[in-house]
Amino acid sequence: MSKLQDPNKGSITVDGSTLTLTRLFQAPRELVFSAFTEADHLKHWWGPRGWEITVCEMDFRPGGSWHYCMKCMDKGQGDFYGMESWGKAIYHQIEAPEKIIYTDYFSDADGNESAEMPATNVTLTFEEADGYTRVVNRAEYVSPEALQTVLDMGMEQGISETWSRLDEYLQTAKS
């Protein structure tokens, strides 16, 4: 098991085939939950720095999905500039504003699952914590090797930047 922690960026724990991300956000739980569940919010913060959501189709209900495209708009990111990364989430359980359980995978523009990248089973919880909201993202993979695949492609940096963008967005967002 390994653990990285920064009080401003939360913590990342790797244990076998499970990746757990935890971070405190200075915003009400309902707003933080909405930021994860409404397309109008997600478009402003989802993805690492230099990437923007260009497609964001959401049907937030059990059995529904979120299909999106992130595109690199930062010329300073070299070969990544102009690249698109498609993803899709299938929602299984929703307990607003406390929990979302879903499967997340890389996809193509039509929403078909990528055979090259592992799917992730995610349990996302939102806890009130003394005026803050603690978000815990527990991501389970089929094997430690599958988890290592996403870590090797920069998942830790990507999620750290994404959640920093969320933190910045929450300071200006309205629920």
N, C-alpha and C. Protein backbone atom coordinates (compact mmCIF):
# COMPACT_ATOMS: atom_id res chain seq x y z
N MET A 1 0.86 -1.18 0.00
CA MET A 1 0.00 0.00 0.00
C MET A 1 0.90 1.23 0.00
N SER A 2 0.55 2.22 -0.84
CA SER A 2 1.27 3.48 -0.84
C SER A 2 0.28 4.61 -0.63
N LYS A 3 0.80 5.71 -0.09
CA LYS A 3 -0.09 6.84 0.18
C LYS A 3 0.68 8.14 -0.06
N LEU A 4 0.07 9.02 -0.81
CA LEU A 4 0.60 10.36 -1.03
C LEU A 4 -0.37 11.33 -0.38
N GLN A 5 0.14 12.34 0.31
CA GLN A 5 -0.78 13.27 0.95
C GLN A 5 -0.21 14.68 0.93
N ASP A 6 -1.08 15.62 0.66
CA ASP A 6 -0.78 17.04 0.69
C ASP A 6 -2.02 17.69 1.26
N PRO A 7 -1.90 18.46 2.35
CA PRO A 7 -3.10 19.02 2.97
C PRO A 7 -3.94 19.86 2.02
N ASN A 8 -3.33 20.47 1.01
CA ASN A 8 -4.09 21.29 0.06
C ASN A 8 -4.65 20.48 -1.10
N LYS A 9 -4.12 19.28 -1.33
CA LYS A 9 -4.54 18.50 -2.48
C LYS A 9 -5.20 17.19 -2.08
N GLY A 10 -5.35 16.94 -0.78
CA GLY A 10 -5.98 15.71 -0.34
C GLY A 10 -5.01 14.57 -0.30
N SER A 11 -5.54 13.36 -0.38
CA SER A 11 -4.67 12.19 -0.33
C SER A 11 -5.05 11.20 -1.42
N ILE A 12 -4.06 10.43 -1.81
CA ILE A 12 -4.22 9.37 -2.79
C ILE A 12 -3.62 8.12 -2.17
N THR A 13 -4.43 7.07 -2.05
CA THR A 13 -3.96 5.82 -1.47
C THR A 13 -4.15 4.70 -2.49
N VAL A 14 -3.10 3.91 -2.67
CA VAL A 14 -3.16 2.75 -3.55
C VAL A 14 -3.01 1.52 -2.68
N ASP A 15 -3.97 0.60 -2.78
CA ASP A 15 -3.94 -0.63 -2.00
C ASP A 15 -4.42 -1.76 -2.89
N GLY A 16 -3.48 -2.53 -3.43
CA GLY A 16 -3.85 -3.63 -4.32
C GLY A 16 -4.47 -3.09 -5.60
N SER A 17 -5.75 -3.42 -5.81
CA SER A 17 -6.44 -2.97 -7.02
C SER A 17 -7.39 -1.81 -6.75
N THR A 18 -7.20 -1.13 -5.59
CA THR A 18 -8.08 -0.02 -5.22
C THR A 18 -7.29 1.27 -5.08
N LEU A 19 -7.82 2.32 -5.68
CA LEU A 19 -7.26 3.67 -5.59
C LEU A 19 -8.29 4.51 -4.84
N THR A 20 -7.88 5.12 -3.73
CA THR A 20 -8.80 5.96 -2.96
C THR A 20 -8.27 7.38 -2.95
N LEU A 21 -9.12 8.30 -3.38
CA LEU A 21 -8.80 9.73 -3.42
C LEU A 21 -9.69 10.43 -2.41
N THR A 22 -9.11 11.28 -1.58
CA THR A 22 -9.88 12.01 -0.58
C THR A 22 -9.45 13.47 -0.61
N ARG A 23 -10.43 14.37 -0.53
CA ARG A 23 -10.12 15.80 -0.50
C ARG A 23 -11.24 16.57 0.16
N LEU A 24 -10.87 17.61 0.89
CA LEU A 24 -11.83 18.53 1.49
C LEU A 24 -12.04 19.72 0.58
N PHE A 25 -13.30 20.13 0.43
CA PHE A 25 -13.64 21.31 -0.36
C PHE A 25 -14.41 22.27 0.53
N GLN A 26 -14.07 23.54 0.45
CA GLN A 26 -14.73 24.56 1.26
C GLN A 26 -15.99 25.03 0.54
N ALA A 27 -17.00 24.18 0.61
CA ALA A 27 -18.29 24.47 -0.03
C ALA A 27 -19.33 23.53 0.57
N PRO A 28 -20.60 23.93 0.52
CA PRO A 28 -21.66 23.06 1.04
C PRO A 28 -21.77 21.75 0.26
N ARG A 29 -22.13 20.69 0.95
CA ARG A 29 -22.22 19.37 0.33
C ARG A 29 -23.14 19.37 -0.88
N GLU A 30 -24.28 20.06 -0.80
CA GLU A 30 -25.22 20.07 -1.92
C GLU A 30 -24.58 20.66 -3.18
N LEU A 31 -23.78 21.71 -3.00
CA LEU A 31 -23.11 22.33 -4.15
C LEU A 31 -22.05 21.40 -4.73
N VAL A 32 -21.27 20.77 -3.86
CA VAL A 32 -20.23 19.86 -4.34
C VAL A 32 -20.87 18.69 -5.07
N PHE A 33 -21.95 18.14 -4.52
CA PHE A 33 -22.67 17.05 -5.17
C PHE A 33 -23.16 17.50 -6.55
N SER A 34 -23.75 18.69 -6.62
CA SER A 34 -24.23 19.23 -7.91
C SER A 34 -23.09 19.40 -8.91
N ALA A 35 -21.92 19.77 -8.42
CA ALA A 35 -20.78 19.96 -9.31
C ALA A 35 -20.41 18.67 -10.02
N PHE A 36 -20.68 17.53 -9.39
CA PHE A 36 -20.39 16.23 -9.99
C PHE A 36 -21.56 15.68 -10.81
N THR A 37 -22.75 16.26 -10.66
CA THR A 37 -23.94 15.62 -11.23
C THR A 37 -24.71 16.46 -12.24
N GLU A 38 -24.25 17.68 -12.50
CA GLU A 38 -24.94 18.56 -13.45
C GLU A 38 -23.96 19.01 -14.54
N ALA A 39 -24.35 18.82 -15.77
CA ALA A 39 -23.48 19.15 -16.91
C ALA A 39 -23.02 20.60 -16.88
N ASP A 40 -23.91 21.52 -16.46
CA ASP A 40 -23.54 22.94 -16.44
C ASP A 40 -22.39 23.21 -15.48
N HIS A 41 -22.27 22.42 -14.43
CA HIS A 41 -21.13 22.56 -13.51
C HIS A 41 -19.91 21.83 -14.07
N LEU A 42 -20.08 20.59 -14.48
CA LEU A 42 -18.95 19.77 -14.92
C LEU A 42 -18.14 20.42 -16.04
N LYS A 43 -18.80 21.10 -16.94
CA LYS A 43 -18.12 21.73 -18.07
C LYS A 43 -17.05 22.72 -17.63
N HIS A 44 -17.18 23.24 -16.41
CA HIS A 44 -16.27 24.29 -15.94
C HIS A 44 -15.01 23.76 -15.25
N TRP A 45 -15.01 22.48 -14.84
CA TRP A 45 -13.87 22.03 -14.05
C TRP A 45 -13.34 20.64 -14.38
N TRP A 46 -14.10 19.80 -15.08
CA TRP A 46 -13.68 18.41 -15.25
C TRP A 46 -12.48 18.32 -16.18
N GLY A 47 -11.47 17.60 -15.76
CA GLY A 47 -10.29 17.35 -16.58
C GLY A 47 -9.08 18.08 -16.06
N PRO A 48 -7.90 17.64 -16.48
CA PRO A 48 -6.66 18.31 -16.07
C PRO A 48 -6.55 19.69 -16.71
N ARG A 49 -5.63 20.47 -16.19
CA ARG A 49 -5.41 21.82 -16.72
C ARG A 49 -5.05 21.75 -18.20
N GLY A 50 -5.62 22.69 -18.95
CA GLY A 50 -5.35 22.74 -20.39
C GLY A 50 -6.34 21.94 -21.22
N TRP A 51 -7.23 21.21 -20.55
CA TRP A 51 -8.24 20.40 -21.24
C TRP A 51 -9.61 20.98 -20.96
N GLU A 52 -10.49 20.88 -21.94
CA GLU A 52 -11.86 21.37 -21.80
C GLU A 52 -12.84 20.29 -22.20
N ILE A 53 -14.02 20.35 -21.60
CA ILE A 53 -15.10 19.44 -21.99
C ILE A 53 -15.77 20.03 -23.23
N THR A 54 -15.75 19.28 -24.33
CA THR A 54 -16.37 19.76 -25.57
C THR A 54 -17.69 19.06 -25.84
N VAL A 55 -17.90 17.90 -25.24
CA VAL A 55 -19.16 17.17 -25.31
C VAL A 55 -19.50 16.74 -23.89
N CYS A 56 -20.74 16.96 -23.47
CA CYS A 56 -21.14 16.63 -22.10
C CYS A 56 -22.62 16.26 -22.10
N GLU A 57 -22.89 14.99 -22.31
CA GLU A 57 -24.27 14.51 -22.35
C GLU A 57 -24.54 13.72 -21.07
N MET A 58 -25.50 14.19 -20.27
CA MET A 58 -25.72 13.58 -18.97
C MET A 58 -27.18 13.19 -18.77
N ASP A 59 -27.37 11.96 -18.28
CA ASP A 59 -28.67 11.44 -17.88
C ASP A 59 -28.45 10.88 -16.47
N PHE A 60 -28.52 11.79 -15.47
CA PHE A 60 -28.15 11.43 -14.11
C PHE A 60 -29.31 10.76 -13.37
N ARG A 61 -29.30 9.43 -13.45
CA ARG A 61 -30.28 8.59 -12.77
C ARG A 61 -29.72 7.18 -12.78
N PRO A 62 -30.16 6.30 -11.85
CA PRO A 62 -29.70 4.92 -11.92
C PRO A 62 -30.06 4.33 -13.29
N GLY A 63 -29.06 3.74 -13.94
CA GLY A 63 -29.24 3.22 -15.29
C GLY A 63 -28.92 4.24 -16.36
N GLY A 64 -28.78 5.50 -15.97
CA GLY A 64 -28.42 6.56 -16.92
C GLY A 64 -26.92 6.63 -17.10
N SER A 65 -26.47 7.59 -17.90
CA SER A 65 -25.04 7.70 -18.19
C SER A 65 -24.60 9.14 -18.35
N TRP A 66 -23.29 9.31 -18.31
CA TRP A 66 -22.64 10.57 -18.63
C TRP A 66 -21.58 10.25 -19.68
N HIS A 67 -21.75 10.81 -20.87
CA HIS A 67 -20.81 10.61 -21.98
C HIS A 67 -20.16 11.96 -22.27
N TYR A 68 -18.84 11.97 -22.30
CA TYR A 68 -18.16 13.26 -22.45
C TYR A 68 -16.88 13.12 -23.28
N CYS A 69 -16.43 14.27 -23.74
CA CYS A 69 -15.16 14.36 -24.45
C CYS A 69 -14.35 15.48 -23.84
N MET A 70 -13.11 15.18 -23.48
CA MET A 70 -12.16 16.20 -23.07
C MET A 70 -11.21 16.43 -24.24
N LYS A 71 -10.90 17.69 -24.48
CA LYS A 71 -9.98 18.01 -25.57
C LYS A 71 -8.87 18.91 -25.04
N CYS A 72 -7.63 18.61 -25.41
CA CYS A 72 -6.50 19.43 -24.99
C CYS A 72 -6.47 20.71 -25.82
N MET A 73 -6.61 21.84 -25.12
CA MET A 73 -6.63 23.15 -25.78
C MET A 73 -5.34 23.95 -25.54
N ASP A 74 -4.40 23.35 -24.82
CA ASP A 74 -3.17 24.04 -24.42
C ASP A 74 -2.03 23.64 -25.37
N LYS A 75 -1.62 24.59 -26.21
CA LYS A 75 -0.53 24.32 -27.16
C LYS A 75 0.76 23.96 -26.44
N GLY A 76 0.90 24.41 -25.20
CA GLY A 76 2.09 24.11 -24.41
C GLY A 76 2.20 22.65 -24.00
N GLN A 77 1.17 21.85 -24.25
CA GLN A 77 1.22 20.44 -23.88
C GLN A 77 1.71 19.55 -25.02
N GLY A 78 2.35 20.18 -26.00
CA GLY A 78 3.02 19.44 -27.07
C GLY A 78 2.12 18.51 -27.84
N ASP A 79 2.49 17.23 -27.86
CA ASP A 79 1.76 16.24 -28.65
C ASP A 79 0.32 16.04 -28.18
N PHE A 80 0.02 16.44 -26.95
CA PHE A 80 -1.35 16.30 -26.46
C PHE A 80 -2.29 17.35 -27.05
N TYR A 81 -1.72 18.47 -27.53
CA TYR A 81 -2.55 19.55 -28.08
C TYR A 81 -3.46 19.01 -29.18
N GLY A 82 -4.76 19.28 -29.04
CA GLY A 82 -5.74 18.84 -30.01
C GLY A 82 -6.27 17.43 -29.77
N MET A 83 -5.63 16.68 -28.88
CA MET A 83 -6.06 15.31 -28.61
C MET A 83 -7.41 15.31 -27.91
N GLU A 84 -8.23 14.31 -28.23
CA GLU A 84 -9.51 14.12 -27.56
C GLU A 84 -9.44 12.85 -26.72
N SER A 85 -10.09 12.90 -25.56
CA SER A 85 -10.20 11.74 -24.69
C SER A 85 -11.68 11.59 -24.32
N TRP A 86 -12.28 10.50 -24.76
CA TRP A 86 -13.70 10.24 -24.52
C TRP A 86 -13.86 9.33 -23.32
N GLY A 87 -14.93 9.56 -22.56
CA GLY A 87 -15.23 8.71 -21.42
C GLY A 87 -16.73 8.55 -21.25
N LYS A 88 -17.10 7.53 -20.51
CA LYS A 88 -18.51 7.29 -20.24
C LYS A 88 -18.65 6.69 -18.85
N ALA A 89 -19.66 7.17 -18.14
CA ALA A 89 -20.00 6.64 -16.82
C ALA A 89 -21.42 6.08 -16.89
N ILE A 90 -21.62 4.93 -16.28
CA ILE A 90 -22.96 4.33 -16.18
C ILE A 90 -23.31 4.34 -14.69
N TYR A 91 -24.39 5.03 -14.35
CA TYR A 91 -24.78 5.18 -12.94
C TYR A 91 -25.57 3.96 -12.47
N HIS A 92 -25.19 3.45 -11.30
CA HIS A 92 -25.85 2.29 -10.71
C HIS A 92 -26.71 2.66 -9.51
N GLN A 93 -26.17 3.52 -8.64
CA GLN A 93 -26.88 3.90 -7.41
C GLN A 93 -26.61 5.37 -7.12
N ILE A 94 -27.67 6.08 -6.74
CA ILE A 94 -27.56 7.51 -6.41
C ILE A 94 -28.32 7.75 -5.12
N GLU A 95 -27.63 8.31 -4.14
CA GLU A 95 -28.25 8.73 -2.88
C GLU A 95 -27.88 10.19 -2.67
N ALA A 96 -28.65 11.10 -3.26
CA ALA A 96 -28.32 12.53 -3.19
C ALA A 96 -28.53 13.04 -1.77
N PRO A 97 -27.64 13.88 -1.27
CA PRO A 97 -26.35 14.32 -1.81
C PRO A 97 -25.17 13.57 -1.20
N GLU A 98 -25.36 12.27 -0.92
CA GLU A 98 -24.35 11.52 -0.16
C GLU A 98 -23.47 10.58 -0.96
N LYS A 99 -24.02 9.93 -1.99
CA LYS A 99 -23.26 8.87 -2.64
C LYS A 99 -23.70 8.66 -4.08
N ILE A 100 -22.69 8.31 -4.91
CA ILE A 100 -22.93 7.90 -6.29
C ILE A 100 -22.07 6.67 -6.54
N ILE A 101 -22.67 5.62 -7.07
CA ILE A 101 -21.92 4.43 -7.46
C ILE A 101 -22.09 4.27 -8.97
N TYR A 102 -20.97 4.14 -9.66
CA TYR A 102 -21.02 4.05 -11.11
C TYR A 102 -19.81 3.30 -11.66
N THR A 103 -19.92 2.90 -12.91
CA THR A 103 -18.79 2.32 -13.64
C THR A 103 -18.33 3.36 -14.65
N ASP A 104 -17.03 3.56 -14.69
CA ASP A 104 -16.43 4.58 -15.55
C ASP A 104 -15.47 3.88 -16.51
N TYR A 105 -15.51 4.28 -17.76
CA TYR A 105 -14.57 3.69 -18.71
C TYR A 105 -14.22 4.67 -19.82
N PHE A 106 -13.08 4.43 -20.43
CA PHE A 106 -12.69 5.17 -21.62
C PHE A 106 -13.58 4.66 -22.76
N SER A 107 -13.97 5.58 -23.65
CA SER A 107 -14.86 5.18 -24.73
C SER A 107 -14.45 5.85 -26.03
N ASP A 108 -15.21 5.55 -27.07
CA ASP A 108 -15.07 6.27 -28.32
C ASP A 108 -16.20 7.31 -28.39
N ALA A 109 -16.27 8.02 -29.49
CA ALA A 109 -17.28 9.09 -29.63
C ALA A 109 -18.70 8.56 -29.60
N ASP A 110 -18.88 7.27 -29.88
CA ASP A 110 -20.21 6.67 -29.84
C ASP A 110 -20.56 6.07 -28.48
N GLY A 111 -19.62 6.13 -27.54
CA GLY A 111 -19.87 5.60 -26.20
C GLY A 111 -19.49 4.15 -26.02
N ASN A 112 -18.84 3.55 -27.02
CA ASN A 112 -18.41 2.16 -26.91
C ASN A 112 -17.16 2.07 -26.04
N GLU A 113 -17.14 1.10 -25.14
CA GLU A 113 -16.03 0.93 -24.20
C GLU A 113 -14.74 0.59 -24.92
N SER A 114 -13.65 1.22 -24.48
CA SER A 114 -12.32 0.93 -25.03
C SER A 114 -11.83 -0.41 -24.50
N ALA A 115 -11.36 -1.26 -25.39
CA ALA A 115 -10.83 -2.57 -25.00
C ALA A 115 -9.41 -2.45 -24.45
N GLU A 116 -8.73 -1.34 -24.74
CA GLU A 116 -7.34 -1.17 -24.33
C GLU A 116 -7.17 -0.68 -22.90
N MET A 117 -8.20 -0.04 -22.36
CA MET A 117 -8.07 0.57 -21.03
C MET A 117 -9.07 -0.07 -20.06
N PRO A 118 -8.66 -0.23 -18.80
CA PRO A 118 -9.54 -0.88 -17.83
C PRO A 118 -10.70 0.01 -17.39
N ALA A 119 -11.84 -0.62 -17.13
CA ALA A 119 -12.98 0.08 -16.54
C ALA A 119 -12.74 0.25 -15.04
N THR A 120 -13.45 1.19 -14.44
CA THR A 120 -13.31 1.48 -13.03
C THR A 120 -14.68 1.42 -12.37
N ASN A 121 -14.78 0.71 -11.25
CA ASN A 121 -16.00 0.73 -10.45
C ASN A 121 -15.79 1.74 -9.34
N VAL A 122 -16.61 2.79 -9.34
CA VAL A 122 -16.39 3.94 -8.46
C VAL A 122 -17.51 4.07 -7.44
N THR A 123 -17.11 4.31 -6.19
CA THR A 123 -18.03 4.74 -5.15
C THR A 123 -17.56 6.12 -4.72
N LEU A 124 -18.40 7.10 -4.93
CA LEU A 124 -18.09 8.49 -4.65
C LEU A 124 -18.97 8.93 -3.49
N THR A 125 -18.37 9.36 -2.38
CA THR A 125 -19.16 9.81 -1.22
C THR A 125 -18.85 11.26 -0.91
N PHE A 126 -19.87 11.92 -0.36
CA PHE A 126 -19.81 13.35 -0.02
C PHE A 126 -20.22 13.46 1.45
N GLU A 127 -19.28 13.89 2.30
CA GLU A 127 -19.53 13.96 3.73
C GLU A 127 -19.38 15.39 4.22
N GLU A 128 -20.32 15.85 5.06
CA GLU A 128 -20.19 17.16 5.69
C GLU A 128 -19.10 17.07 6.74
N ALA A 129 -18.24 18.10 6.81
CA ALA A 129 -17.11 18.08 7.73
C ALA A 129 -16.77 19.50 8.18
N ASP A 130 -17.45 19.98 9.23
CA ASP A 130 -17.15 21.29 9.82
C ASP A 130 -17.11 22.42 8.80
N GLY A 131 -18.17 22.56 8.01
CA GLY A 131 -18.25 23.62 7.02
C GLY A 131 -17.60 23.29 5.69
N TYR A 132 -16.98 22.14 5.61
CA TYR A 132 -16.36 21.67 4.38
C TYR A 132 -17.14 20.46 3.89
N THR A 133 -16.79 20.01 2.70
CA THR A 133 -17.31 18.74 2.20
C THR A 133 -16.13 17.85 1.89
N ARG A 134 -16.13 16.67 2.49
CA ARG A 134 -15.08 15.68 2.21
C ARG A 134 -15.61 14.78 1.09
N VAL A 135 -14.86 14.73 0.00
CA VAL A 135 -15.19 13.85 -1.11
C VAL A 135 -14.21 12.68 -1.06
N VAL A 136 -14.77 11.48 -1.08
CA VAL A 136 -13.96 10.26 -1.12
C VAL A 136 -14.34 9.50 -2.39
N ASN A 137 -13.35 9.27 -3.24
CA ASN A 137 -13.54 8.55 -4.49
C ASN A 137 -12.79 7.22 -4.35
N ARG A 138 -13.55 6.14 -4.21
CA ARG A 138 -12.95 4.80 -4.10
C ARG A 138 -13.12 4.13 -5.47
N ALA A 139 -11.99 3.92 -6.14
CA ALA A 139 -11.98 3.37 -7.50
C ALA A 139 -11.40 1.96 -7.46
N GLU A 140 -12.20 0.99 -7.88
CA GLU A 140 -11.77 -0.41 -7.86
C GLU A 140 -11.56 -0.91 -9.28
N TYR A 141 -10.43 -1.59 -9.47
CA TYR A 141 -10.06 -2.15 -10.76
C TYR A 141 -10.06 -3.68 -10.68
N VAL A 142 -10.07 -4.35 -11.81
CA VAL A 142 -10.13 -5.81 -11.83
C VAL A 142 -8.86 -6.45 -11.27
N SER A 143 -7.75 -5.70 -11.27
CA SER A 143 -6.48 -6.24 -10.79
C SER A 143 -5.53 -5.09 -10.46
N PRO A 144 -4.50 -5.37 -9.67
CA PRO A 144 -3.47 -4.34 -9.43
C PRO A 144 -2.81 -3.89 -10.73
N GLU A 145 -2.68 -4.79 -11.70
CA GLU A 145 -2.07 -4.43 -12.99
C GLU A 145 -2.95 -3.45 -13.77
N ALA A 146 -4.26 -3.63 -13.69
CA ALA A 146 -5.17 -2.70 -14.37
C ALA A 146 -5.07 -1.32 -13.74
N LEU A 147 -5.00 -1.26 -12.42
CA LEU A 147 -4.81 0.02 -11.74
C LEU A 147 -3.47 0.64 -12.15
N GLN A 148 -2.43 -0.17 -12.22
CA GLN A 148 -1.11 0.35 -12.59
C GLN A 148 -1.14 0.96 -14.00
N THR A 149 -1.96 0.41 -14.88
CA THR A 149 -2.09 0.95 -16.24
C THR A 149 -2.53 2.41 -16.20
N VAL A 150 -3.53 2.74 -15.39
CA VAL A 150 -4.00 4.13 -15.34
C VAL A 150 -3.04 5.01 -14.55
N LEU A 151 -2.36 4.45 -13.55
CA LEU A 151 -1.36 5.24 -12.83
C LEU A 151 -0.20 5.60 -13.76
N ASP A 152 0.20 4.65 -14.59
CA ASP A 152 1.31 4.88 -15.52
C ASP A 152 0.99 5.95 -16.56
N MET A 153 -0.29 6.16 -16.86
CA MET A 153 -0.64 7.18 -17.84
C MET A 153 -0.84 8.57 -17.21
N GLY A 154 -0.59 8.69 -15.90
CA GLY A 154 -0.64 10.00 -15.25
C GLY A 154 -1.91 10.29 -14.47
N MET A 155 -2.62 9.26 -14.04
CA MET A 155 -3.88 9.45 -13.31
C MET A 155 -3.71 10.34 -12.08
N GLU A 156 -2.63 10.16 -11.31
CA GLU A 156 -2.47 10.95 -10.09
C GLU A 156 -2.38 12.44 -10.39
N GLN A 157 -1.58 12.82 -11.36
CA GLN A 157 -1.46 14.23 -11.72
C GLN A 157 -2.78 14.73 -12.28
N GLY A 158 -3.41 13.95 -13.14
CA GLY A 158 -4.67 14.35 -13.76
C GLY A 158 -5.76 14.60 -12.74
N ILE A 159 -5.91 13.68 -11.78
CA ILE A 159 -6.98 13.86 -10.79
C ILE A 159 -6.64 15.00 -9.83
N SER A 160 -5.38 15.18 -9.51
CA SER A 160 -4.98 16.30 -8.65
C SER A 160 -5.32 17.63 -9.32
N GLU A 161 -5.00 17.76 -10.60
CA GLU A 161 -5.31 18.99 -11.34
C GLU A 161 -6.82 19.17 -11.48
N THR A 162 -7.53 18.08 -11.74
CA THR A 162 -8.98 18.14 -11.90
C THR A 162 -9.64 18.62 -10.61
N TRP A 163 -9.23 18.04 -9.48
CA TRP A 163 -9.85 18.43 -8.21
C TRP A 163 -9.42 19.83 -7.78
N SER A 164 -8.23 20.26 -8.19
CA SER A 164 -7.83 21.67 -7.93
C SER A 164 -8.72 22.61 -8.74
N ARG A 165 -9.02 22.23 -9.97
CA ARG A 165 -9.94 23.03 -10.79
C ARG A 165 -11.33 23.06 -10.16
N LEU A 166 -11.78 21.93 -9.61
CA LEU A 166 -13.06 21.91 -8.90
C LEU A 166 -13.03 22.86 -7.72
N ASP A 167 -11.97 22.82 -6.94
CA ASP A 167 -11.84 23.69 -5.77
C ASP A 167 -11.94 25.16 -6.19
N GLU A 168 -11.25 25.53 -7.25
CA GLU A 168 -11.30 26.91 -7.77
C GLU A 168 -12.71 27.25 -8.24
N TYR A 169 -13.34 26.33 -8.96
CA TYR A 169 -14.69 26.56 -9.48
C TYR A 169 -15.70 26.75 -8.36
N LEU A 170 -15.60 25.93 -7.31
CA LEU A 170 -16.55 26.01 -6.20
C LEU A 170 -16.53 27.38 -5.50
N GLN A 171 -15.40 28.05 -5.56
CA GLN A 171 -15.30 29.38 -4.92
C GLN A 171 -16.17 30.43 -5.63
N THR A 172 -16.53 30.16 -6.88
CA THR A 172 -17.32 31.13 -7.65
C THR A 172 -18.70 30.59 -8.05
N ALA A 173 -18.93 29.30 -7.86
CA ALA A 173 -20.17 28.65 -8.35
C ALA A 173 -21.37 28.94 -7.47
N LYS A 174 -22.49 28.90 -8.08
CA LYS A 174 -23.79 29.00 -7.38
C LYS A 174 -24.48 27.65 -7.56
N SER A 175 -25.15 27.20 -6.53
CA SER A 175 -25.81 25.88 -6.63
C SER A 175 -27.02 25.94 -7.52
